[in-house]
Protein backbone atom coordinates (compact mmCIF):
# COMPACT_ATOMS: atom_id res chain seq x y z
CA UNK A 1 -12.85 -1.29 31.40
CA UNK A 2 -10.27 -4.05 32.51
CA UNK A 3 -7.27 -4.71 31.74
CA UNK A 4 -8.32 -8.01 30.01
CA UNK A 5 -10.09 -6.57 28.17
CA UNK A 6 -7.49 -5.02 25.71
CA UNK A 7 -5.56 -6.78 23.13
CA UNK A 8 -1.56 -7.02 24.42
CA UNK A 9 0.25 -4.55 22.78
CA UNK A 10 -2.43 -1.87 23.62
CA UNK A 11 -0.59 0.03 26.62
CA UNK A 12 -2.48 2.86 28.96
CA UNK A 13 -1.73 6.14 27.39
CA UNK A 14 -2.74 4.59 23.71
CA UNK A 15 -5.55 2.70 25.12
CA UNK A 16 -6.43 6.68 26.36
CA UNK A 17 -5.79 8.26 22.89
CA UNK A 18 -7.83 5.71 20.99
CA UNK A 19 -10.77 5.90 23.35
CA UNK A 20 -10.56 9.68 22.23
CA UNK A 21 -12.81 10.66 19.71
CA UNK A 22 -11.02 14.07 19.54
CA UNK A 23 -7.72 12.34 18.78
CA UNK A 24 -8.80 10.44 16.85
CA UNK A 25 -10.24 13.56 14.61
CA UNK A 26 -7.27 15.24 15.22
CA UNK A 27 -5.14 12.30 13.51
CA UNK A 28 -7.45 12.28 10.65
CA UNK A 29 -6.73 16.26 10.21
CA UNK A 30 -3.91 16.39 10.99
CA UNK A 31 -3.37 13.51 7.84
CA UNK A 32 -5.22 13.99 5.64
CA UNK A 33 -5.52 18.62 5.57
CA UNK A 34 -8.37 18.46 3.90
CA UNK A 35 -10.74 15.66 5.81
CA UNK A 36 -14.77 16.44 6.42
CA UNK A 37 -17.42 14.76 7.42
CA UNK A 38 -20.29 15.76 5.83
CA UNK A 39 -23.98 13.93 5.89
CA UNK A 40 -25.51 11.33 3.34
CA UNK A 41 -28.61 13.66 3.10
CA UNK A 42 -26.74 16.32 2.21
CA UNK A 43 -25.42 15.46 -1.12
CA UNK A 44 -26.25 15.21 -4.24
CA UNK A 45 -24.23 12.79 -5.67
CA UNK A 46 -24.28 10.65 -1.95
CA UNK A 47 -28.42 10.97 -2.98
CA UNK A 48 -27.81 10.05 -6.60
CA UNK A 49 -25.40 6.77 -5.76
CA UNK A 50 -27.52 5.29 -3.29
CA UNK A 51 -30.82 5.54 -6.53
CA UNK A 52 -28.04 4.15 -8.52
CA UNK A 53 -26.82 1.15 -5.26
CA UNK A 54 -30.53 0.43 -5.49
CA UNK A 55 -30.63 -0.57 -8.85
CA UNK A 56 -27.91 -2.80 -9.25
CA UNK A 57 -28.43 -4.66 -6.41
CA UNK A 58 -32.14 -5.49 -7.54
CA UNK A 59 -32.89 -2.98 -4.35
CA UNK A 60 -30.86 -5.19 -1.47
CA UNK A 61 -28.84 -2.26 -0.88
CA UNK A 62 -31.43 -0.04 0.53
CA UNK A 63 -28.90 0.79 3.93
CA UNK A 64 -26.39 3.22 2.18
CA UNK A 65 -27.84 6.42 3.33
CA UNK A 66 -28.58 5.00 6.96
CA UNK A 67 -25.64 2.87 7.97
CA UNK A 68 -23.17 3.01 5.73
CA UNK A 69 -20.03 5.94 5.73
CA UNK A 70 -18.18 6.26 2.63
CA UNK A 71 -15.37 8.28 1.72
CA UNK A 72 -14.41 9.86 -1.06
CA UNK A 73 -11.62 11.78 -1.54
CA UNK A 74 -10.45 13.07 2.47
CA UNK A 75 -14.11 13.71 2.63
CA UNK A 76 -16.49 10.67 4.91
CA UNK A 77 -19.92 11.14 4.54
CA UNK A 78 -21.60 9.72 6.98
CA UNK A 79 -25.89 8.93 8.16
CA UNK A 80 -27.74 11.50 10.10
CA UNK A 81 -28.21 9.35 13.08
CA UNK A 82 -24.39 10.02 13.13
CA UNK A 83 -24.40 12.05 15.96
CA UNK A 84 -26.65 9.27 17.94
CA UNK A 85 -23.55 6.95 17.82
CA UNK A 86 -21.70 6.24 20.74
CA UNK A 87 -18.27 7.97 20.71
CA UNK A 88 -16.25 4.34 20.39
CA UNK A 89 -18.49 3.35 17.97
CA UNK A 90 -17.60 6.30 15.69
CA UNK A 91 -14.12 6.08 16.58
CA UNK A 92 -14.06 2.42 15.34
CA UNK A 93 -15.97 3.76 12.17
CA UNK A 94 -13.43 6.95 10.85
CA UNK A 95 -9.96 4.13 11.77
CA UNK A 96 -11.99 1.92 9.25
CA UNK A 97 -12.84 4.85 6.62
CA UNK A 98 -8.60 6.08 7.99
CA UNK A 99 -7.44 3.25 6.44
CA UNK A 100 -9.69 4.18 2.66
CA UNK A 101 -8.78 7.60 3.16
CA UNK A 102 -4.58 6.14 3.38
CA UNK A 103 -5.61 3.32 0.52
CA UNK A 104 -6.27 6.10 -1.75
CA UNK A 105 -3.55 8.18 -0.97
CA UNK A 106 -1.14 4.92 -2.15
CA UNK A 107 -2.50 4.28 -5.44
CA UNK A 108 -3.73 8.00 -5.85
CA UNK A 109 -7.73 8.59 -6.04
CA UNK A 110 -7.67 7.41 -9.45
CA UNK A 111 -6.25 3.99 -9.76
CA UNK A 112 -7.89 3.32 -6.23
CA UNK A 113 -11.02 3.83 -7.35
CA UNK A 114 -10.42 2.07 -10.75
CA UNK A 115 -8.89 -1.18 -8.97
CA UNK A 116 -12.28 -1.24 -5.57
CA UNK A 117 -14.51 -0.52 -8.78
CA UNK A 118 -13.85 -3.22 -11.19
CA UNK A 119 -10.80 -4.54 -10.86
CA UNK A 120 -11.25 -7.75 -11.80
CA UNK A 121 -14.56 -8.37 -12.00
CA UNK A 122 -16.78 -5.15 -10.91
CA UNK A 123 -19.75 -8.33 -8.71
CA UNK A 124 -18.25 -11.64 -7.95
CA UNK A 125 -14.73 -11.80 -7.98
CA UNK A 126 -13.78 -7.54 -6.62
CA UNK A 127 -10.17 -9.12 -5.67
CA UNK A 128 -9.77 -4.93 -4.97
CA UNK A 129 -12.56 -4.31 -3.06
CA UNK A 130 -11.50 -7.53 -1.13
CA UNK A 131 -8.67 -6.47 -0.22
CA UNK A 132 -9.14 -3.01 0.60
CA UNK A 133 -11.88 -4.01 3.31
CA UNK A 134 -10.26 -6.49 5.20
CA UNK A 135 -7.77 -4.54 5.99
CA UNK A 136 -9.69 -1.54 6.46
CA UNK A 137 -11.76 -4.36 7.97
CA UNK A 138 -8.81 -5.52 10.14
CA UNK A 139 -8.67 -2.44 11.74
CA UNK A 140 -12.54 -2.42 12.50
CA UNK A 141 -11.07 -5.88 14.76
CA UNK A 142 -8.75 -4.31 16.65
CA UNK A 143 -9.98 -0.95 17.50
CA UNK A 144 -13.42 -3.48 18.67
CA UNK A 145 -11.55 -5.41 20.86
CA UNK A 146 -9.82 -2.31 22.63
CA UNK A 147 -12.72 0.00 23.14
CA UNK A 148 -15.24 -3.12 23.95
CA UNK A 149 -13.38 -5.44 24.67
CA UNK A 150 -12.31 -8.88 23.32
CA UNK A 151 -15.20 -10.97 23.89
CA UNK A 152 -17.21 -8.30 22.07
CA UNK A 153 -15.04 -9.35 18.22
CA UNK A 154 -15.79 -13.34 18.93
CA UNK A 155 -19.90 -13.69 19.18
CA UNK A 156 -20.46 -15.75 16.07
CA UNK A 157 -23.46 -12.37 15.64
CA UNK A 158 -20.38 -9.91 14.54
CA UNK A 159 -18.31 -12.44 12.68
CA UNK A 160 -21.60 -13.35 10.53
CA UNK A 161 -21.65 -9.08 10.24
CA UNK A 162 -18.11 -9.35 8.94
CA UNK A 163 -19.35 -12.77 5.94
CA UNK A 164 -22.05 -11.21 4.57
CA UNK A 165 -20.01 -7.75 4.76
CA UNK A 166 -17.99 -9.26 1.92
CA UNK A 167 -21.05 -12.02 0.18
CA UNK A 168 -23.86 -10.49 0.03
CA UNK A 169 -25.67 -7.18 -2.04
CA UNK A 170 -23.27 -4.64 1.16
CA UNK A 171 -20.19 -4.36 -0.90
CA UNK A 172 -22.31 -5.81 -3.62
CA UNK A 173 -21.53 -8.72 -3.96
CA UNK A 174 -16.88 -8.12 -3.79
CA UNK A 175 -16.56 -12.09 -2.66
CA UNK A 176 -18.32 -15.33 -4.03
CA UNK A 177 -16.15 -17.76 -2.18
CA UNK A 178 -17.98 -18.07 1.71
CA UNK A 179 -15.90 -20.51 2.98
CA UNK A 180 -12.39 -18.18 2.38
CA UNK A 181 -14.43 -14.78 3.83
CA UNK A 182 -15.17 -17.16 7.27
CA UNK A 183 -11.58 -18.36 7.59
CA UNK A 184 -9.71 -14.93 7.55
CA UNK A 185 -12.54 -13.42 9.76
CA UNK A 186 -12.03 -16.55 12.21
CA UNK A 187 -8.48 -16.31 11.54
CA UNK A 188 -8.36 -12.02 12.29
CA UNK A 189 -10.94 -12.30 15.18
CA UNK A 190 -8.42 -15.28 17.21
CA UNK A 191 -5.39 -12.51 16.14
CA UNK A 192 -7.09 -9.04 17.60
CA UNK A 193 -8.78 -11.97 20.89
CA UNK A 194 -5.91 -13.13 22.80
């Protein structure tokens, strides 16, 4: 990777640490002593949640067990395919989830869940879910730019993926105003692609 593909705020030493999956896992363990990775397929709770999500989204969120990572308390639940992900993908995901861990720590588990799931509304205008996911996805965008190069976050496909996370059933239709999400995506991508 050339220096040009690394955001200016990254120096070589920081980038070397960022590229190391063990460094990311160690950071998580230090910051969250009870942190652990668990496969979703081994969790009865995740299986029940999967069924509930399929019902609530009229079966349009059928990827919960296979493509989505879920963090509850200090446990990060991952799909069975997790071991096949390359290290850079794992790092992007874990850095995203670390933001959620920090949010839960800041607000407490109960308040975070209340805000994330229900306030002010569970769907279409889920202000706090949108706020929390914007913070986590900004980290994803930043880390992806550092690890894969700035061009990786500029593609229309990636931008479309981000918009869909906020405006479709993937996160329970958390925000109905697609234009505002597209603007946020463009501004955030611009911020990390310079």
